[in-house]
Amino acid sequence: MFNRFETFMTIMNQVNRGIQTIKNREMEAYGLKGTHVMCLYQLKQHPEGLTAKELATLCDEDKAAISRALAVIESKGLISFTDSEGKKRYRTVITLTDEGSKVCQQISQKIDELWKVYSEGISEEEREVFYRVFSTIADNLQTATKLKS
């Protein structure tokens, strides 16, 4: 049993390090980091806009990390905040600017190219099984961590 745990943890660490390295290397040209990209991705998926609180939930990040990410993204002219009408900033709707949409499109193309390379040799059936099993493990881990809290 311990060998399974050790193998699982080693593979998870390798995958995580690999993803972080790729994200950092590929996003460096845009001056963006992983959290920035996740915010942009979610905003692309929701053209009507999202609040910072909704982004935090969808990106599985805390509000402070999202707030910092939004400040960077806004400074690059990739997002805009609607008129807050006296609302606190985290309750304002955030949308992509035209430039933000262009950057999202470029990033999406880059991700598609990379994904083809990294998933080579994996059938669609294997991919479906992997995602189902991996999602179950993630859900079980979430449940276990909530029970310990």
C-alpha atoms as a PDB file:
ATOM      1  CA  MET A   1       0.000   0.000   0.000  1.00  0.00           C
ATOM      2  CA  PHE A   2       2.800   2.434   0.889  1.00  0.00           C
ATOM      3  CA  ASN A   3       4.409   1.839  -2.515  1.00  0.00           C
ATOM      4  CA  ARG A   4       1.172   2.989  -4.221  1.00  0.00           C
ATOM      5  CA  PHE A   5       1.118   6.132  -2.111  1.00  0.00           C
ATOM      6  CA  GLU A   6       4.780   6.839  -2.817  1.00  0.00           C
ATOM      7  CA  THR A   7       4.300   6.279  -6.555  1.00  0.00           C
ATOM      8  CA  PHE A   8       1.185   8.436  -6.634  1.00  0.00           C
ATOM      9  CA  MET A   9       2.858  11.296  -4.757  1.00  0.00           C
ATOM     10  CA  THR A  10       5.995  11.126  -6.906  1.00  0.00           C
ATOM     11  CA  ILE A  11       3.961  11.229 -10.120  1.00  0.00           C
ATOM     12  CA  MET A  12       1.792  14.069  -8.791  1.00  0.00           C
ATOM     13  CA  ASN A  13       4.874  16.108  -7.878  1.00  0.00           C
ATOM     14  CA  GLN A  14       6.468  15.479 -11.281  1.00  0.00           C
ATOM     15  CA  VAL A  15       3.304  16.513 -13.115  1.00  0.00           C
ATOM     16  CA  ASN A  16       2.826  19.593 -10.943  1.00  0.00           C
ATOM     17  CA  ARG A  17       6.443  20.720 -11.405  1.00  0.00           C
ATOM     18  CA  GLY A  18       6.196  20.120 -15.143  1.00  0.00           C
ATOM     19  CA  ILE A  19       2.988  22.117 -15.450  1.00  0.00           C
ATOM     20  CA  GLN A  20       4.393  24.986 -13.377  1.00  0.00           C
ATOM     21  CA  THR A  21       7.568  25.086 -15.493  1.00  0.00           C
ATOM     22  CA  ILE A  22       5.588  25.128 -18.728  1.00  0.00           C
ATOM     23  CA  LYS A  23       3.143  27.763 -17.459  1.00  0.00           C
ATOM     24  CA  ASN A  24       5.968  30.019 -16.324  1.00  0.00           C
ATOM     25  CA  ARG A  25       7.997  29.568 -19.501  1.00  0.00           C
ATOM     26  CA  GLU A  26       5.091  29.988 -21.919  1.00  0.00           C
ATOM     27  CA  MET A  27       3.397  32.855 -20.098  1.00  0.00           C
ATOM     28  CA  GLU A  28       6.612  34.811 -19.578  1.00  0.00           C
ATOM     29  CA  ALA A  29       6.141  36.424 -23.013  1.00  0.00           C
ATOM     30  CA  TYR A  30       2.883  37.920 -21.750  1.00  0.00           C
ATOM     31  CA  GLY A  31       4.200  38.808 -18.308  1.00  0.00           C
ATOM     32  CA  LEU A  32       1.558  36.523 -16.795  1.00  0.00           C
ATOM     33  CA  LYS A  33       1.535  33.755 -14.210  1.00  0.00           C
ATOM     34  CA  GLY A  34      -0.748  30.765 -13.710  1.00  0.00           C
ATOM     35  CA  THR A  35      -3.362  32.583 -11.624  1.00  0.00           C
ATOM     36  CA  HIS A  36      -3.558  35.361 -14.207  1.00  0.00           C
ATOM     37  CA  VAL A  37      -4.157  32.844 -16.964  1.00  0.00           C
ATOM     38  CA  MET A  38      -6.865  31.062 -14.974  1.00  0.00           C
ATOM     39  CA  CYS A  39      -8.653  34.383 -14.401  1.00  0.00           C
ATOM     40  CA  LEU A  40      -8.464  35.224 -18.095  1.00  0.00           C
ATOM     41  CA  TYR A  41      -9.666  31.746 -19.020  1.00  0.00           C
ATOM     42  CA  GLN A  42     -12.698  31.992 -16.734  1.00  0.00           C
ATOM     43  CA  LEU A  43     -13.524  35.471 -18.034  1.00  0.00           C
ATOM     44  CA  LYS A  44     -13.329  34.136 -21.585  1.00  0.00           C
ATOM     45  CA  GLN A  45     -15.794  31.396 -20.611  1.00  0.00           C
ATOM     46  CA  HIS A  46     -18.141  34.024 -19.107  1.00  0.00           C
ATOM     47  CA  PRO A  47     -18.364  36.950 -21.565  1.00  0.00           C
ATOM     48  CA  GLU A  48     -21.077  38.527 -19.400  1.00  0.00           C
ATOM     49  CA  GLY A  49     -18.389  39.012 -16.766  1.00  0.00           C
ATOM     50  CA  LEU A  50     -17.689  37.733 -13.278  1.00  0.00           C
ATOM     51  CA  THR A  51     -17.062  39.236  -9.873  1.00  0.00           C
ATOM     52  CA  ALA A  52     -13.786  38.705  -8.036  1.00  0.00           C
ATOM     53  CA  LYS A  53     -15.637  36.434  -5.626  1.00  0.00           C
ATOM     54  CA  GLU A  54     -16.930  34.293  -8.495  1.00  0.00           C
ATOM     55  CA  LEU A  55     -13.429  34.168  -9.998  1.00  0.00           C
ATOM     56  CA  ALA A  56     -11.985  33.059  -6.673  1.00  0.00           C
ATOM     57  CA  THR A  57     -14.461  30.178  -6.577  1.00  0.00           C
ATOM     58  CA  LEU A  58     -13.983  29.155 -10.204  1.00  0.00           C
ATOM     59  CA  CYS A  59     -10.165  29.391 -10.010  1.00  0.00           C
ATOM     60  CA  ASP A  60     -10.080  27.703  -6.593  1.00  0.00           C
ATOM     61  CA  GLU A  61      -7.980  30.566  -5.182  1.00  0.00           C
ATOM     62  CA  ASP A  62      -8.418  32.795  -2.162  1.00  0.00           C
ATOM     63  CA  LYS A  63      -9.731  36.338  -2.585  1.00  0.00           C
ATOM     64  CA  ALA A  64      -6.348  37.917  -1.837  1.00  0.00           C
ATOM     65  CA  ALA A  65      -4.614  35.947  -4.619  1.00  0.00           C
ATOM     66  CA  ILE A  66      -7.380  36.862  -7.065  1.00  0.00           C
ATOM     67  CA  SER A  67      -7.206  40.507  -6.033  1.00  0.00           C
ATOM     68  CA  ARG A  68      -3.457  40.574  -6.689  1.00  0.00           C
ATOM     69  CA  ALA A  69      -3.904  38.792 -10.011  1.00  0.00           C
ATOM     70  CA  LEU A  70      -6.631  41.202 -11.102  1.00  0.00           C
ATOM     71  CA  ALA A  71      -4.440  44.199 -10.293  1.00  0.00           C
ATOM     72  CA  VAL A  72      -1.719  42.844 -12.602  1.00  0.00           C
ATOM     73  CA  ILE A  73      -4.142  41.905 -15.368  1.00  0.00           C
ATOM     74  CA  GLU A  74      -5.859  45.293 -15.173  1.00  0.00           C
ATOM     75  CA  SER A  75      -2.507  47.115 -15.335  1.00  0.00           C
ATOM     76  CA  LYS A  76      -1.844  45.295 -18.626  1.00  0.00           C
ATOM     77  CA  GLY A  77      -5.174  46.499 -20.029  1.00  0.00           C
ATOM     78  CA  LEU A  78      -6.604  42.984 -20.349  1.00  0.00           C
ATOM     79  CA  ILE A  79      -9.688  43.446 -18.153  1.00  0.00           C
ATOM     80  CA  SER A  80     -12.034  46.199 -17.115  1.00  0.00           C
ATOM     81  CA  PHE A  81     -14.265  46.696 -14.117  1.00  0.00           C
ATOM     82  CA  THR A  82     -17.830  47.926 -14.565  1.00  0.00           C
ATOM     83  CA  ASP A  83     -18.945  51.043 -12.758  1.00  0.00           C
ATOM     84  CA  SER A  84     -19.120  49.927  -9.161  1.00  0.00           C
ATOM     85  CA  GLU A  85     -22.051  52.216  -8.222  1.00  0.00           C
ATOM     86  CA  GLY A  86     -20.813  52.323  -4.653  1.00  0.00           C
ATOM     87  CA  LYS A  87     -20.193  48.578  -4.465  1.00  0.00           C
ATOM     88  CA  LYS A  88     -16.972  47.243  -3.075  1.00  0.00           C
ATOM     89  CA  ARG A  89     -14.489  46.358  -5.793  1.00  0.00           C
ATOM     90  CA  TYR A  90     -14.775  42.588  -5.264  1.00  0.00           C
ATOM     91  CA  ARG A  91     -18.504  42.828  -6.076  1.00  0.00           C
ATOM     92  CA  THR A  92     -17.989  44.629  -9.397  1.00  0.00           C
ATOM     93  CA  VAL A  93     -18.331  42.766 -12.651  1.00  0.00           C
ATOM     94  CA  ILE A  94     -15.070  42.175 -14.498  1.00  0.00           C
ATOM     95  CA  THR A  95     -14.902  41.595 -18.249  1.00  0.00           C
ATOM     96  CA  LEU A  96     -12.176  41.097 -20.825  1.00  0.00           C
ATOM     97  CA  THR A  97     -11.109  44.066 -22.914  1.00  0.00           C
ATOM     98  CA  ASP A  98     -10.547  43.606 -26.652  1.00  0.00           C
ATOM     99  CA  GLU A  99      -6.840  43.214 -25.922  1.00  0.00           C
ATOM    100  CA  GLY A 100      -7.664  40.663 -23.210  1.00  0.00           C
ATOM    101  CA  SER A 101      -9.718  38.658 -25.704  1.00  0.00           C
ATOM    102  CA  LYS A 102      -6.808  38.672 -28.171  1.00  0.00           C
ATOM    103  CA  VAL A 103      -4.359  37.498 -25.502  1.00  0.00           C
ATOM    104  CA  CYS A 104      -6.808  34.753 -24.428  1.00  0.00           C
ATOM    105  CA  GLN A 105      -7.038  33.560 -28.025  1.00  0.00           C
ATOM    106  CA  GLN A 106      -3.233  33.423 -28.330  1.00  0.00           C
ATOM    107  CA  ILE A 107      -2.898  31.591 -25.020  1.00  0.00           C
ATOM    108  CA  SER A 108      -5.634  29.108 -26.011  1.00  0.00           C
ATOM    109  CA  GLN A 109      -3.807  28.321 -29.249  1.00  0.00           C
ATOM    110  CA  LYS A 110      -0.557  27.804 -27.342  1.00  0.00           C
ATOM    111  CA  ILE A 111      -2.270  25.495 -24.825  1.00  0.00           C
ATOM    112  CA  ASP A 112      -3.857  23.464 -27.646  1.00  0.00           C
ATOM    113  CA  GLU A 113      -0.453  23.058 -29.328  1.00  0.00           C
ATOM    114  CA  LEU A 114       1.212  21.991 -26.087  1.00  0.00           C
ATOM    115  CA  TRP A 115      -1.613  19.638 -25.141  1.00  0.00           C
ATOM    116  CA  LYS A 116      -1.289  17.765 -28.431  1.00  0.00           C
ATOM    117  CA  VAL A 117       2.374  17.131 -27.672  1.00  0.00           C
ATOM    118  CA  TYR A 118       1.851  16.137 -24.024  1.00  0.00           C
ATOM    119  CA  SER A 119      -1.090  13.836 -24.630  1.00  0.00           C
ATOM    120  CA  GLU A 120       0.465  12.006 -27.560  1.00  0.00           C
ATOM    121  CA  GLY A 121      -0.024   8.260 -27.368  1.00  0.00           C
ATOM    122  CA  ILE A 122      -3.128   8.506 -25.146  1.00  0.00           C
ATOM    123  CA  SER A 123      -6.409   7.367 -26.669  1.00  0.00           C
ATOM    124  CA  GLU A 124      -9.648   9.233 -26.083  1.00  0.00           C
ATOM    125  CA  GLU A 125     -10.933   6.272 -24.054  1.00  0.00           C
ATOM    126  CA  GLU A 126      -7.820   6.322 -21.830  1.00  0.00           C
ATOM    127  CA  ARG A 127      -8.191  10.074 -21.395  1.00  0.00           C
ATOM    128  CA  GLU A 128     -11.818   9.695 -20.282  1.00  0.00           C
ATOM    129  CA  VAL A 129     -10.889   7.019 -17.732  1.00  0.00           C
ATOM    130  CA  PHE A 130      -7.997   9.128 -16.470  1.00  0.00           C
ATOM    131  CA  TYR A 131     -10.187  12.206 -15.928  1.00  0.00           C
ATOM    132  CA  ARG A 132     -12.907  10.164 -14.224  1.00  0.00           C
ATOM    133  CA  VAL A 133     -10.421   8.501 -11.849  1.00  0.00           C
ATOM    134  CA  PHE A 134      -8.439  11.681 -11.234  1.00  0.00           C
ATOM    135  CA  SER A 135     -11.632  13.647 -10.514  1.00  0.00           C
ATOM    136  CA  THR A 136     -12.720  10.997  -8.025  1.00  0.00           C
ATOM    137  CA  ILE A 137      -9.356  11.216  -6.249  1.00  0.00           C
ATOM    138  CA  ALA A 138      -9.585  15.037  -6.167  1.00  0.00           C
ATOM    139  CA  ASP A 139     -13.138  14.893  -4.783  1.00  0.00           C
ATOM    140  CA  ASN A 140     -12.098  12.366  -2.141  1.00  0.00           C
ATOM    141  CA  LEU A 141      -9.168  14.563  -1.122  1.00  0.00           C
ATOM    142  CA  GLN A 142     -11.467  17.594  -0.858  1.00  0.00           C
ATOM    143  CA  THR A 143     -13.885  15.626   1.303  1.00  0.00           C
ATOM    144  CA  ALA A 144     -11.079  14.318   3.510  1.00  0.00           C
ATOM    145  CA  THR A 145      -9.575  17.778   4.045  1.00  0.00           C
ATOM    146  CA  LYS A 146     -12.975  19.245   4.926  1.00  0.00           C
ATOM    147  CA  LEU A 147     -13.577  16.490   7.487  1.00  0.00           C
ATOM    148  CA  LYS A 148     -10.229  17.282   9.164  1.00  0.00           C
ATOM    149  CA  SER A 149     -10.984  21.015   9.402  1.00  0.00           C
END
